[in-house]
N, C-alpha and C. Protein backbone atom coordinates (compact mmCIF):
# COMPACT_ATOMS: atom_id res chain seq x y z
N MET A 1 25.59 -38.30 8.20
CA MET A 1 25.57 -37.51 7.08
C MET A 1 24.73 -38.29 6.05
N SER A 2 23.99 -37.50 5.33
CA SER A 2 23.13 -38.22 4.33
C SER A 2 24.03 -38.58 3.13
N GLN A 3 23.49 -39.42 2.46
CA GLN A 3 24.01 -39.99 1.25
C GLN A 3 24.36 -38.87 0.06
N SER A 4 23.37 -38.07 -0.23
CA SER A 4 23.41 -37.06 -1.18
C SER A 4 24.66 -36.05 -0.88
N PHE A 5 24.75 -35.76 0.59
CA PHE A 5 25.73 -34.82 1.06
C PHE A 5 27.14 -35.44 0.78
N ILE A 6 27.22 -36.60 1.04
CA ILE A 6 28.65 -37.39 0.90
C ILE A 6 29.05 -37.53 -0.55
N THR A 7 27.94 -37.69 -1.45
CA THR A 7 28.19 -37.86 -2.86
C THR A 7 28.65 -36.44 -3.37
N GLY A 8 27.88 -35.37 -2.96
CA GLY A 8 28.25 -34.07 -3.46
C GLY A 8 29.61 -33.63 -2.84
N MET A 9 29.99 -34.09 -1.63
CA MET A 9 31.32 -33.72 -1.16
C MET A 9 32.42 -34.29 -1.84
N LYS A 10 32.07 -35.61 -2.17
CA LYS A 10 33.26 -36.29 -2.88
C LYS A 10 33.45 -35.77 -4.42
N LYS A 11 32.31 -35.45 -4.96
CA LYS A 11 32.27 -34.56 -6.37
C LYS A 11 33.15 -33.40 -6.23
N GLY A 12 32.84 -32.65 -5.08
CA GLY A 12 33.47 -31.34 -4.99
C GLY A 12 35.03 -31.64 -4.69
N MET A 13 35.38 -32.36 -3.91
CA MET A 13 36.76 -32.79 -3.78
C MET A 13 37.52 -33.19 -4.97
N ASP A 14 36.73 -34.04 -5.81
CA ASP A 14 37.30 -34.61 -7.05
C ASP A 14 37.56 -33.40 -8.12
N ILE A 15 36.66 -32.24 -8.02
CA ILE A 15 36.80 -31.25 -8.90
C ILE A 15 38.03 -30.46 -8.42
N VAL A 16 38.23 -30.13 -7.16
CA VAL A 16 39.33 -29.52 -6.71
C VAL A 16 40.69 -30.22 -7.02
N ALA A 17 40.82 -31.46 -6.93
CA ALA A 17 42.01 -32.25 -7.27
C ALA A 17 42.30 -32.26 -8.60
N ASN A 18 41.45 -32.18 -9.60
CA ASN A 18 41.77 -32.26 -11.12
C ASN A 18 40.76 -31.24 -11.81
N PRO A 19 41.25 -30.05 -11.90
CA PRO A 19 40.41 -28.91 -12.50
C PRO A 19 40.66 -28.74 -13.98
N SER A 20 40.58 -29.78 -14.81
CA SER A 20 40.73 -29.50 -16.20
C SER A 20 39.44 -28.94 -16.82
N PRO A 21 39.65 -27.90 -17.61
CA PRO A 21 38.29 -27.25 -18.22
C PRO A 21 37.40 -28.20 -18.86
N GLU A 22 37.62 -29.03 -19.65
CA GLU A 22 36.94 -30.00 -20.42
C GLU A 22 36.32 -30.92 -19.51
N ARG A 23 37.00 -31.42 -18.39
CA ARG A 23 36.47 -32.33 -17.64
C ARG A 23 35.32 -31.60 -16.72
N LEU A 24 35.71 -30.41 -16.31
CA LEU A 24 34.91 -29.52 -15.46
C LEU A 24 33.51 -29.41 -16.19
N GLN A 25 33.59 -29.07 -17.47
CA GLN A 25 32.28 -28.86 -18.23
C GLN A 25 31.44 -30.14 -18.29
N LYS A 26 32.02 -31.28 -18.36
CA LYS A 26 31.32 -32.50 -18.39
C LYS A 26 30.62 -32.85 -16.99
N LEU A 27 31.44 -32.44 -15.95
CA LEU A 27 30.89 -32.72 -14.53
C LEU A 27 29.80 -31.73 -14.28
N ARG A 28 29.99 -30.47 -14.80
CA ARG A 28 28.94 -29.59 -14.63
C ARG A 28 27.63 -30.06 -15.29
N GLU A 29 27.80 -30.44 -16.47
CA GLU A 29 26.48 -31.00 -17.21
C GLU A 29 25.91 -32.18 -16.43
N ASN A 30 26.70 -33.03 -15.92
CA ASN A 30 26.23 -34.25 -15.06
C ASN A 30 25.57 -33.80 -13.83
N LEU A 31 26.32 -32.77 -13.26
CA LEU A 31 25.61 -32.31 -11.82
C LEU A 31 24.40 -31.53 -12.00
N SER A 32 24.38 -30.85 -13.19
CA SER A 32 23.01 -30.23 -13.48
C SER A 32 22.01 -31.19 -13.53
N LYS A 33 22.13 -32.29 -14.44
CA LYS A 33 21.27 -33.30 -14.46
C LYS A 33 20.75 -33.93 -13.12
N GLN A 34 21.70 -34.34 -12.29
CA GLN A 34 21.43 -34.94 -11.11
C GLN A 34 21.09 -33.73 -9.85
N ASP A 35 21.68 -32.77 -9.86
CA ASP A 35 21.54 -31.82 -8.95
C ASP A 35 21.67 -32.46 -7.62
N MET A 36 22.69 -33.13 -7.32
CA MET A 36 22.89 -33.74 -6.03
C MET A 36 23.43 -32.86 -4.98
N VAL A 37 24.25 -31.73 -5.45
CA VAL A 37 24.67 -30.76 -4.48
C VAL A 37 23.62 -29.99 -3.92
N ALA A 38 22.63 -29.60 -4.69
CA ALA A 38 21.45 -28.79 -4.17
C ALA A 38 20.66 -29.74 -3.29
N GLU A 39 20.41 -31.05 -3.47
CA GLU A 39 19.68 -31.93 -2.61
C GLU A 39 20.53 -31.99 -1.27
N ALA A 40 21.91 -32.09 -1.47
CA ALA A 40 22.71 -32.01 -0.14
C ALA A 40 22.52 -31.02 0.72
N TRP A 41 22.53 -29.76 0.13
CA TRP A 41 22.55 -28.43 0.87
C TRP A 41 21.08 -28.51 1.50
N MET A 42 20.04 -28.82 0.76
CA MET A 42 18.62 -28.79 1.33
C MET A 42 18.65 -29.77 2.54
N ALA A 43 19.01 -30.89 2.35
CA ALA A 43 19.18 -31.73 3.50
C ALA A 43 19.76 -31.17 4.61
N THR A 44 21.05 -30.55 4.56
CA THR A 44 21.85 -30.09 5.53
C THR A 44 21.03 -28.95 6.19
N GLY A 45 20.52 -28.02 5.42
CA GLY A 45 19.62 -27.10 5.90
C GLY A 45 18.37 -27.46 6.75
N ARG A 46 17.68 -28.59 6.51
CA ARG A 46 16.73 -28.98 7.21
C ARG A 46 17.18 -29.53 8.63
N GLN A 47 18.39 -30.29 8.41
CA GLN A 47 18.96 -30.81 9.70
C GLN A 47 19.32 -29.75 10.63
N LEU A 48 20.00 -28.75 10.12
CA LEU A 48 20.25 -27.53 11.05
C LEU A 48 19.09 -26.89 11.53
N THR A 49 18.05 -26.78 10.75
CA THR A 49 16.81 -26.19 11.35
C THR A 49 16.24 -27.02 12.48
N GLN A 50 16.06 -28.18 12.22
CA GLN A 50 15.58 -29.14 13.12
C GLN A 50 16.62 -29.09 14.45
N ALA A 51 17.81 -29.04 14.35
CA ALA A 51 18.72 -29.09 15.57
C ALA A 51 18.57 -27.62 16.23
N MET A 52 18.35 -26.63 15.56
CA MET A 52 18.22 -25.36 16.39
C MET A 52 16.76 -25.10 16.96
N ASN A 53 15.79 -25.78 16.30
CA ASN A 53 14.51 -25.64 16.88
C ASN A 53 14.51 -26.58 18.16
N TYR A 54 15.13 -27.71 18.16
CA TYR A 54 15.24 -28.65 19.29
C TYR A 54 16.00 -27.92 20.38
N TYR A 55 17.08 -27.29 20.07
CA TYR A 55 17.97 -26.70 21.01
C TYR A 55 17.09 -25.53 21.67
N GLN A 56 16.50 -24.61 20.85
CA GLN A 56 15.66 -23.62 21.49
C GLN A 56 14.63 -24.07 22.42
N LYS A 57 14.01 -25.13 21.97
CA LYS A 57 12.84 -25.61 22.83
C LYS A 57 13.47 -26.21 24.05
N THR A 58 14.55 -27.06 24.04
CA THR A 58 15.03 -27.53 25.26
C THR A 58 15.78 -26.47 26.11
N ASN A 59 16.39 -25.59 25.46
CA ASN A 59 17.07 -24.40 26.17
C ASN A 59 16.07 -23.61 26.96
N SER A 60 15.04 -23.23 26.36
CA SER A 60 14.07 -22.45 26.95
C SER A 60 13.31 -23.07 28.24
N ALA A 61 13.04 -24.40 27.84
CA ALA A 61 12.53 -25.33 28.96
C ALA A 61 13.45 -25.30 30.20
N TYR A 62 14.81 -25.31 29.98
CA TYR A 62 15.72 -25.54 30.98
C TYR A 62 15.72 -24.20 31.74
N THR A 63 15.70 -23.04 30.98
CA THR A 63 15.82 -21.67 31.64
C THR A 63 14.54 -21.59 32.42
N LEU A 64 13.43 -21.95 32.03
CA LEU A 64 12.05 -21.86 32.72
C LEU A 64 12.17 -22.57 34.07
N LYS A 65 12.82 -23.86 34.01
CA LYS A 65 12.89 -24.51 35.32
C LYS A 65 13.99 -23.99 36.35
N ARG A 66 15.00 -23.21 35.77
CA ARG A 66 15.91 -22.80 36.82
C ARG A 66 15.34 -21.44 37.65
N LYS A 67 14.44 -20.85 37.08
CA LYS A 67 13.78 -19.61 37.52
C LYS A 67 13.04 -19.95 38.79
């Protein structure tokens, strides 16, 4: 997993564990400055796209060999 995803996950779990409104407002401000969660989702999306492309290429090659 990428470092930004792990950081975003830890921040998300921290918010769930301690949902005080003042604290959440400060965290929202910090997250909007860093935008780590968005970076993590973008990285995850890229990894999923690459994995699906690889699977489609290898699976189609395997299917063609079997015919």
